[in-house]
PDB file of N, CA and C in Angstrom:
ATOM      1  N   UNK A   1       0.240 -15.710 -46.820  1.00  0.00           N
ATOM      2  CA  UNK A   1       1.575 -15.512 -46.296  1.00  0.00           C
ATOM      3  C   UNK A   1       1.555 -14.419 -45.209  1.00  0.00           C
ATOM      4  N   UNK A   2       2.396 -14.558 -44.240  1.00  0.00           N
ATOM      5  CA  UNK A   2       2.530 -13.550 -43.198  1.00  0.00           C
ATOM      6  C   UNK A   2       3.693 -12.646 -43.550  1.00  0.00           C
ATOM      7  N   UNK A   3       3.561 -11.407 -43.289  1.00  0.00           N
ATOM      8  CA  UNK A   3       4.623 -10.431 -43.567  1.00  0.00           C
ATOM      9  C   UNK A   3       5.699 -10.569 -42.506  1.00  0.00           C
ATOM     10  N   UNK A   4       6.821 -10.030 -42.813  1.00  0.00           N
ATOM     11  CA  UNK A   4       7.938 -10.081 -41.854  1.00  0.00           C
ATOM     12  C   UNK A   4       7.608  -9.313 -40.551  1.00  0.00           C
ATOM     13  N   UNK A   5       6.910  -8.209 -40.678  1.00  0.00           N
ATOM     14  CA  UNK A   5       6.556  -7.395 -39.498  1.00  0.00           C
ATOM     15  C   UNK A   5       5.553  -8.167 -38.661  1.00  0.00           C
ATOM     16  N   UNK A   6       4.616  -8.880 -39.251  1.00  0.00           N
ATOM     17  CA  UNK A   6       3.636  -9.662 -38.495  1.00  0.00           C
ATOM     18  C   UNK A   6       4.332 -10.817 -37.782  1.00  0.00           C
ATOM     19  N   UNK A   7       5.313 -11.444 -38.390  1.00  0.00           N
ATOM     20  CA  UNK A   7       6.017 -12.553 -37.797  1.00  0.00           C
ATOM     21  C   UNK A   7       6.866 -12.134 -36.609  1.00  0.00           C
ATOM     22  N   UNK A   8       7.370 -10.883 -36.679  1.00  0.00           N
ATOM     23  CA  UNK A   8       8.229 -10.374 -35.604  1.00  0.00           C
ATOM     24  C   UNK A   8       7.411  -9.948 -34.404  1.00  0.00           C
ATOM     25  N   UNK A   9       6.146  -9.623 -34.548  1.00  0.00           N
ATOM     26  CA  UNK A   9       5.278  -9.219 -33.438  1.00  0.00           C
ATOM     27  C   UNK A   9       4.928 -10.399 -32.580  1.00  0.00           C
ATOM     28  N   UNK A  10       5.034 -10.287 -31.224  1.00  0.00           N
ATOM     29  CA  UNK A  10       4.601 -11.375 -30.384  1.00  0.00           C
ATOM     30  C   UNK A  10       3.077 -11.537 -30.404  1.00  0.00           C
ATOM     31  N   UNK A  11       2.614 -12.736 -30.308  1.00  0.00           N
ATOM     32  CA  UNK A  11       1.159 -12.907 -30.343  1.00  0.00           C
ATOM     33  C   UNK A  11       0.600 -12.568 -28.948  1.00  0.00           C
ATOM     34  N   UNK A  12      -0.686 -12.250 -28.943  1.00  0.00           N
ATOM     35  CA  UNK A  12      -1.355 -11.875 -27.693  1.00  0.00           C
ATOM     36  C   UNK A  12      -1.407 -13.043 -26.737  1.00  0.00           C
ATOM     37  N   UNK A  13      -1.451 -14.231 -27.277  1.00  0.00           N
ATOM     38  CA  UNK A  13      -1.381 -15.438 -26.377  1.00  0.00           C
ATOM     39  C   UNK A  13      -0.081 -15.513 -25.617  1.00  0.00           C
ATOM     40  N   UNK A  14       0.988 -15.276 -26.297  1.00  0.00           N
ATOM     41  CA  UNK A  14       2.308 -15.350 -25.619  1.00  0.00           C
ATOM     42  C   UNK A  14       2.411 -14.211 -24.597  1.00  0.00           C
ATOM     43  N   UNK A  15       1.925 -13.046 -24.929  1.00  0.00           N
ATOM     44  CA  UNK A  15       1.945 -11.960 -23.935  1.00  0.00           C
ATOM     45  C   UNK A  15       1.070 -12.287 -22.681  1.00  0.00           C
ATOM     46  N   UNK A  16      -0.042 -12.876 -22.933  1.00  0.00           N
ATOM     47  CA  UNK A  16      -0.974 -13.251 -21.838  1.00  0.00           C
ATOM     48  C   UNK A  16      -0.271 -14.369 -20.972  1.00  0.00           C
ATOM     49  N   UNK A  17       0.337 -15.304 -21.585  1.00  0.00           N
ATOM     50  CA  UNK A  17       1.031 -16.376 -20.795  1.00  0.00           C
ATOM     51  C   UNK A  17       2.177 -15.799 -20.008  1.00  0.00           C
ATOM     52  N   UNK A  18       2.923 -14.907 -20.574  1.00  0.00           N
ATOM     53  CA  UNK A  18       4.016 -14.242 -19.894  1.00  0.00           C
ATOM     54  C   UNK A  18       3.492 -13.422 -18.673  1.00  0.00           C
ATOM     55  N   UNK A  19       2.396 -12.754 -18.841  1.00  0.00           N
ATOM     56  CA  UNK A  19       1.791 -11.996 -17.743  1.00  0.00           C
ATOM     57  C   UNK A  19       1.373 -12.906 -16.657  1.00  0.00           C
ATOM     58  N   UNK A  20       0.716 -13.999 -16.999  1.00  0.00           N
ATOM     59  CA  UNK A  20       0.263 -14.975 -16.002  1.00  0.00           C
ATOM     60  C   UNK A  20       1.414 -15.609 -15.248  1.00  0.00           C
ATOM     61  N   UNK A  21       2.498 -15.862 -15.921  1.00  0.00           N
ATOM     62  CA  UNK A  21       3.681 -16.408 -15.287  1.00  0.00           C
ATOM     63  C   UNK A  21       4.266 -15.389 -14.297  1.00  0.00           C
ATOM     64  N   UNK A  22       4.255 -14.140 -14.679  1.00  0.00           N
ATOM     65  CA  UNK A  22       4.789 -13.093 -13.787  1.00  0.00           C
ATOM     66  C   UNK A  22       3.940 -12.943 -12.523  1.00  0.00           C
ATOM     67  N   UNK A  23       2.601 -13.020 -12.678  1.00  0.00           N
ATOM     68  CA  UNK A  23       1.754 -12.916 -11.533  1.00  0.00           C
ATOM     69  C   UNK A  23       1.976 -14.130 -10.645  1.00  0.00           C
ATOM     70  N   UNK A  24       2.079 -15.346 -11.181  1.00  0.00           N
ATOM     71  CA  UNK A  24       2.305 -16.511 -10.376  1.00  0.00           C
ATOM     72  C   UNK A  24       3.628 -16.446  -9.630  1.00  0.00           C
ATOM     73  N   UNK A  25       4.691 -15.946 -10.289  1.00  0.00           N
ATOM     74  CA  UNK A  25       5.996 -15.858  -9.625  1.00  0.00           C
ATOM     75  C   UNK A  25       5.935 -14.816  -8.502  1.00  0.00           C
ATOM     76  N   UNK A  26       5.235 -13.736  -8.697  1.00  0.00           N
ATOM     77  CA  UNK A  26       5.079 -12.732  -7.628  1.00  0.00           C
ATOM     78  C   UNK A  26       4.337 -13.344  -6.442  1.00  0.00           C
ATOM     79  N   UNK A  27       3.299 -14.158  -6.700  1.00  0.00           N
ATOM     80  CA  UNK A  27       2.546 -14.777  -5.624  1.00  0.00           C
ATOM     81  C   UNK A  27       3.465 -15.729  -4.841  1.00  0.00           C
ATOM     82  N   UNK A  28       4.330 -16.442  -5.490  1.00  0.00           N
ATOM     83  CA  UNK A  28       5.212 -17.371  -4.833  1.00  0.00           C
ATOM     84  C   UNK A  28       6.169 -16.631  -3.921  1.00  0.00           C
ATOM     85  N   UNK A  29       6.676 -15.509  -4.349  1.00  0.00           N
ATOM     86  CA  UNK A  29       7.631 -14.691  -3.562  1.00  0.00           C
ATOM     87  C   UNK A  29       6.897 -14.133  -2.296  1.00  0.00           C
ATOM     88  N   UNK A  30       5.710 -13.646  -2.474  1.00  0.00           N
ATOM     89  CA  UNK A  30       4.924 -13.078  -1.355  1.00  0.00           C
ATOM     90  C   UNK A  30       4.615 -14.158  -0.355  1.00  0.00           C
ATOM     91  N   UNK A  31       4.200 -15.335  -0.861  1.00  0.00           N
ATOM     92  CA  UNK A  31       3.837 -16.437   0.060  1.00  0.00           C
ATOM     93  C   UNK A  31       5.095 -16.887   0.871  1.00  0.00           C
ATOM     94  N   UNK A  32       6.218 -16.922   0.205  1.00  0.00           N
ATOM     95  CA  UNK A  32       7.432 -17.330   0.877  1.00  0.00           C
ATOM     96  C   UNK A  32       7.845 -16.295   1.950  1.00  0.00           C
ATOM     97  N   UNK A  33       7.685 -15.053   1.671  1.00  0.00           N
ATOM     98  CA  UNK A  33       7.998 -14.032   2.693  1.00  0.00           C
ATOM     99  C   UNK A  33       7.012 -14.088   3.867  1.00  0.00           C
ATOM    100  N   UNK A  34       5.780 -14.302   3.606  1.00  0.00           N
ATOM    101  CA  UNK A  34       4.807 -14.350   4.719  1.00  0.00           C
ATOM    102  C   UNK A  34       5.008 -15.599   5.573  1.00  0.00           C
ATOM    103  N   UNK A  35       5.372 -16.689   4.949  1.00  0.00           N
ATOM    104  CA  UNK A  35       5.625 -17.897   5.714  1.00  0.00           C
ATOM    105  C   UNK A  35       6.809 -17.735   6.647  1.00  0.00           C
ATOM    106  N   UNK A  36       7.859 -17.013   6.179  1.00  0.00           N
ATOM    107  CA  UNK A  36       9.005 -16.805   7.011  1.00  0.00           C
ATOM    108  C   UNK A  36       8.644 -15.893   8.191  1.00  0.00           C
ATOM    109  N   UNK A  37       7.746 -14.979   7.999  1.00  0.00           N
ATOM    110  CA  UNK A  37       7.349 -14.090   9.110  1.00  0.00           C
ATOM    111  C   UNK A  37       6.521 -14.847  10.120  1.00  0.00           C
ATOM    112  N   UNK A  38       5.673 -15.782   9.737  1.00  0.00           N
ATOM    113  CA  UNK A  38       4.831 -16.518  10.658  1.00  0.00           C
ATOM    114  C   UNK A  38       5.647 -17.506  11.537  1.00  0.00           C
ATOM    115  N   UNK A  39       6.851 -17.859  11.119  1.00  0.00           N
ATOM    116  CA  UNK A  39       7.614 -18.841  11.903  1.00  0.00           C
ATOM    117  C   UNK A  39       8.264 -18.226  13.133  1.00  0.00           C
ATOM    118  N   UNK A  40       8.183 -16.924  13.296  1.00  0.00           N
ATOM    119  CA  UNK A  40       8.767 -16.259  14.460  1.00  0.00           C
ATOM    120  C   UNK A  40       7.770 -16.263  15.605  1.00  0.00           C
ATOM    121  N   UNK A  41       8.221 -16.632  16.801  1.00  0.00           N
ATOM    122  CA  UNK A  41       7.379 -16.629  17.987  1.00  0.00           C
ATOM    123  C   UNK A  41       7.021 -15.185  18.348  1.00  0.00           C
ATOM    124  N   UNK A  42       5.814 -14.914  18.855  1.00  0.00           N
ATOM    125  CA  UNK A  42       5.478 -13.522  19.213  1.00  0.00           C
ATOM    126  C   UNK A  42       6.403 -12.850  20.176  1.00  0.00           C
ATOM    127  N   UNK A  43       6.885 -13.592  21.153  1.00  0.00           N
ATOM    128  CA  UNK A  43       7.794 -13.000  22.138  1.00  0.00           C
ATOM    129  C   UNK A  43       9.103 -12.570  21.470  1.00  0.00           C
ATOM    130  N   UNK A  44       9.612 -13.440  20.581  1.00  0.00           N
ATOM    131  CA  UNK A  44      10.866 -13.138  19.865  1.00  0.00           C
ATOM    132  C   UNK A  44      10.676 -11.922  18.966  1.00  0.00           C
ATOM    133  N   UNK A  45       9.557 -11.885  18.298  1.00  0.00           N
ATOM    134  CA  UNK A  45       9.272 -10.716  17.419  1.00  0.00           C
ATOM    135  C   UNK A  45       9.205  -9.440  18.233  1.00  0.00           C
ATOM    136  N   UNK A  46       8.483  -9.482  19.359  1.00  0.00           N
ATOM    137  CA  UNK A  46       8.423  -8.324  20.215  1.00  0.00           C
ATOM    138  C   UNK A  46       9.781  -7.829  20.682  1.00  0.00           C
ATOM    139  N   UNK A  47      10.634  -8.812  21.072  1.00  0.00           N
ATOM    140  CA  UNK A  47      11.977  -8.490  21.528  1.00  0.00           C
ATOM    141  C   UNK A  47      12.773  -7.815  20.435  1.00  0.00           C
ATOM    142  N   UNK A  48      12.712  -8.319  19.203  1.00  0.00           N
ATOM    143  CA  UNK A  48      13.389  -7.763  18.059  1.00  0.00           C
ATOM    144  C   UNK A  48      12.935  -6.336  17.808  1.00  0.00           C
ATOM    145  N   UNK A  49      11.630  -6.104  17.872  1.00  0.00           N
ATOM    146  CA  UNK A  49      11.131  -4.755  17.615  1.00  0.00           C
ATOM    147  C   UNK A  49      11.606  -3.782  18.674  1.00  0.00           C
ATOM    148  N   UNK A  50      11.636  -4.202  19.939  1.00  0.00           N
ATOM    149  CA  UNK A  50      12.095  -3.324  21.028  1.00  0.00           C
ATOM    150  C   UNK A  50      13.597  -3.028  20.829  1.00  0.00           C
ATOM    151  N   UNK A  51      14.370  -3.984  20.371  1.00  0.00           N
ATOM    152  CA  UNK A  51      15.814  -3.744  20.130  1.00  0.00           C
ATOM    153  C   UNK A  51      16.016  -2.749  18.954  1.00  0.00           C
ATOM    154  N   UNK A  52      15.201  -2.905  17.908  1.00  0.00           N
ATOM    155  CA  UNK A  52      15.294  -1.975  16.785  1.00  0.00           C
ATOM    156  C   UNK A  52      14.954  -0.556  17.175  1.00  0.00           C
ATOM    157  N   UNK A  53      13.887  -0.462  18.040  1.00  0.00           N
ATOM    158  CA  UNK A  53      13.414   0.886  18.479  1.00  0.00           C
ATOM    159  C   UNK A  53      14.492   1.529  19.344  1.00  0.00           C
ATOM    160  N   UNK A  54      15.099   0.737  20.227  1.00  0.00           N
ATOM    161  CA  UNK A  54      16.151   1.274  21.068  1.00  0.00           C
ATOM    162  C   UNK A  54      17.342   1.732  20.226  1.00  0.00           C
ATOM    163  N   UNK A  55      17.709   1.000  19.185  1.00  0.00           N
ATOM    164  CA  UNK A  55      18.815   1.338  18.338  1.00  0.00           C
ATOM    165  C   UNK A  55      18.528   2.642  17.628  1.00  0.00           C
ATOM    166  N   UNK A  56      17.281   2.812  17.134  1.00  0.00           N
ATOM    167  CA  UNK A  56      16.918   4.055  16.454  1.00  0.00           C
ATOM    168  C   UNK A  56      16.941   5.223  17.376  1.00  0.00           C
ATOM    169  N   UNK A  57      16.425   5.061  18.614  1.00  0.00           N
ATOM    170  CA  UNK A  57      16.451   6.141  19.592  1.00  0.00           C
ATOM    171  C   UNK A  57      17.853   6.490  19.944  1.00  0.00           C
ATOM    172  N   UNK A  58      18.752   5.574  20.006  1.00  0.00           N
ATOM    173  CA  UNK A  58      20.165   5.853  20.399  1.00  0.00           C
ATOM    174  C   UNK A  58      20.838   6.622  19.302  1.00  0.00           C
ATOM    175  N   UNK A  59      20.483   6.421  18.026  1.00  0.00           N
ATOM    176  CA  UNK A  59      21.157   7.120  16.896  1.00  0.00           C
ATOM    177  C   UNK A  59      20.684   8.539  16.733  1.00  0.00           C
ATOM    178  N   UNK A  60      19.446   8.856  17.073  1.00  0.00           N
ATOM    179  CA  UNK A  60      18.888  10.236  16.864  1.00  0.00           C
ATOM    180  C   UNK A  60      19.094  11.066  18.066  1.00  0.00           C
ATOM    181  N   UNK A  61      19.646  12.277  17.886  1.00  0.00           N
ATOM    182  CA  UNK A  61      19.737  13.173  19.014  1.00  0.00           C
ATOM    183  C   UNK A  61      18.329  13.681  19.419  1.00  0.00           C
ATOM    184  N   UNK A  62      18.183  14.002  20.664  1.00  0.00           N
ATOM    185  CA  UNK A  62      16.811  14.456  21.102  1.00  0.00           C
ATOM    186  C   UNK A  62      16.547  15.785  20.479  1.00  0.00           C
ATOM    187  N   UNK A  63      15.267  15.967  20.062  1.00  0.00           N
ATOM    188  CA  UNK A  63      14.834  17.211  19.482  1.00  0.00           C
ATOM    189  C   UNK A  63      14.403  18.175  20.565  1.00  0.00           C
ATOM    190  N   UNK A  64      14.722  19.479  20.408  1.00  0.00           N
ATOM    191  CA  UNK A  64      14.274  20.425  21.427  1.00  0.00           C
ATOM    192  C   UNK A  64      12.723  20.576  21.344  1.00  0.00           C
ATOM    193  N   UNK A  65      12.142  20.867  22.510  1.00  0.00           N
ATOM    194  CA  UNK A  65      10.691  21.030  22.573  1.00  0.00           C
ATOM    195  C   UNK A  65      10.290  22.263  21.753  1.00  0.00           C
ATOM    196  N   UNK A  66       9.225  22.176  21.022  1.00  0.00           N
ATOM    197  CA  UNK A  66       8.720  23.330  20.234  1.00  0.00           C
ATOM    198  C   UNK A  66       7.940  24.234  21.182  1.00  0.00           C
ATOM    199  N   UNK A  67       8.076  25.550  21.009  1.00  0.00           N
ATOM    200  CA  UNK A  67       7.341  26.455  21.879  1.00  0.00           C
ATOM    201  C   UNK A  67       5.840  26.410  21.602  1.00  0.00           C
ATOM    202  N   UNK A  68       5.068  26.566  22.643  1.00  0.00           N
ATOM    203  CA  UNK A  68       3.598  26.526  22.464  1.00  0.00           C
ATOM    204  C   UNK A  68       3.152  27.829  21.710  1.00  0.00           C
ATOM    205  N   UNK A  69       2.157  27.699  20.861  1.00  0.00           N
ATOM    206  CA  UNK A  69       1.712  28.927  20.092  1.00  0.00           C
ATOM    207  C   UNK A  69       0.980  29.888  20.965  1.00  0.00           C
TER     208      UNK A  69
END
């Protein structure tokens, strides 16, 4: 007979299967994100990056030059 405590404990097989399912799901998410990144043309990607950089530069006030030591 199994005790009540032993029956309530998950088996190592179930924990292993749950871990493998988690790893597989993470792999699917990563692959989907990478595929979306590859669909962008290099020129379009470069243009987006330049726009983001210009927006960041516009938001930040210029820093004063630090004096030389």
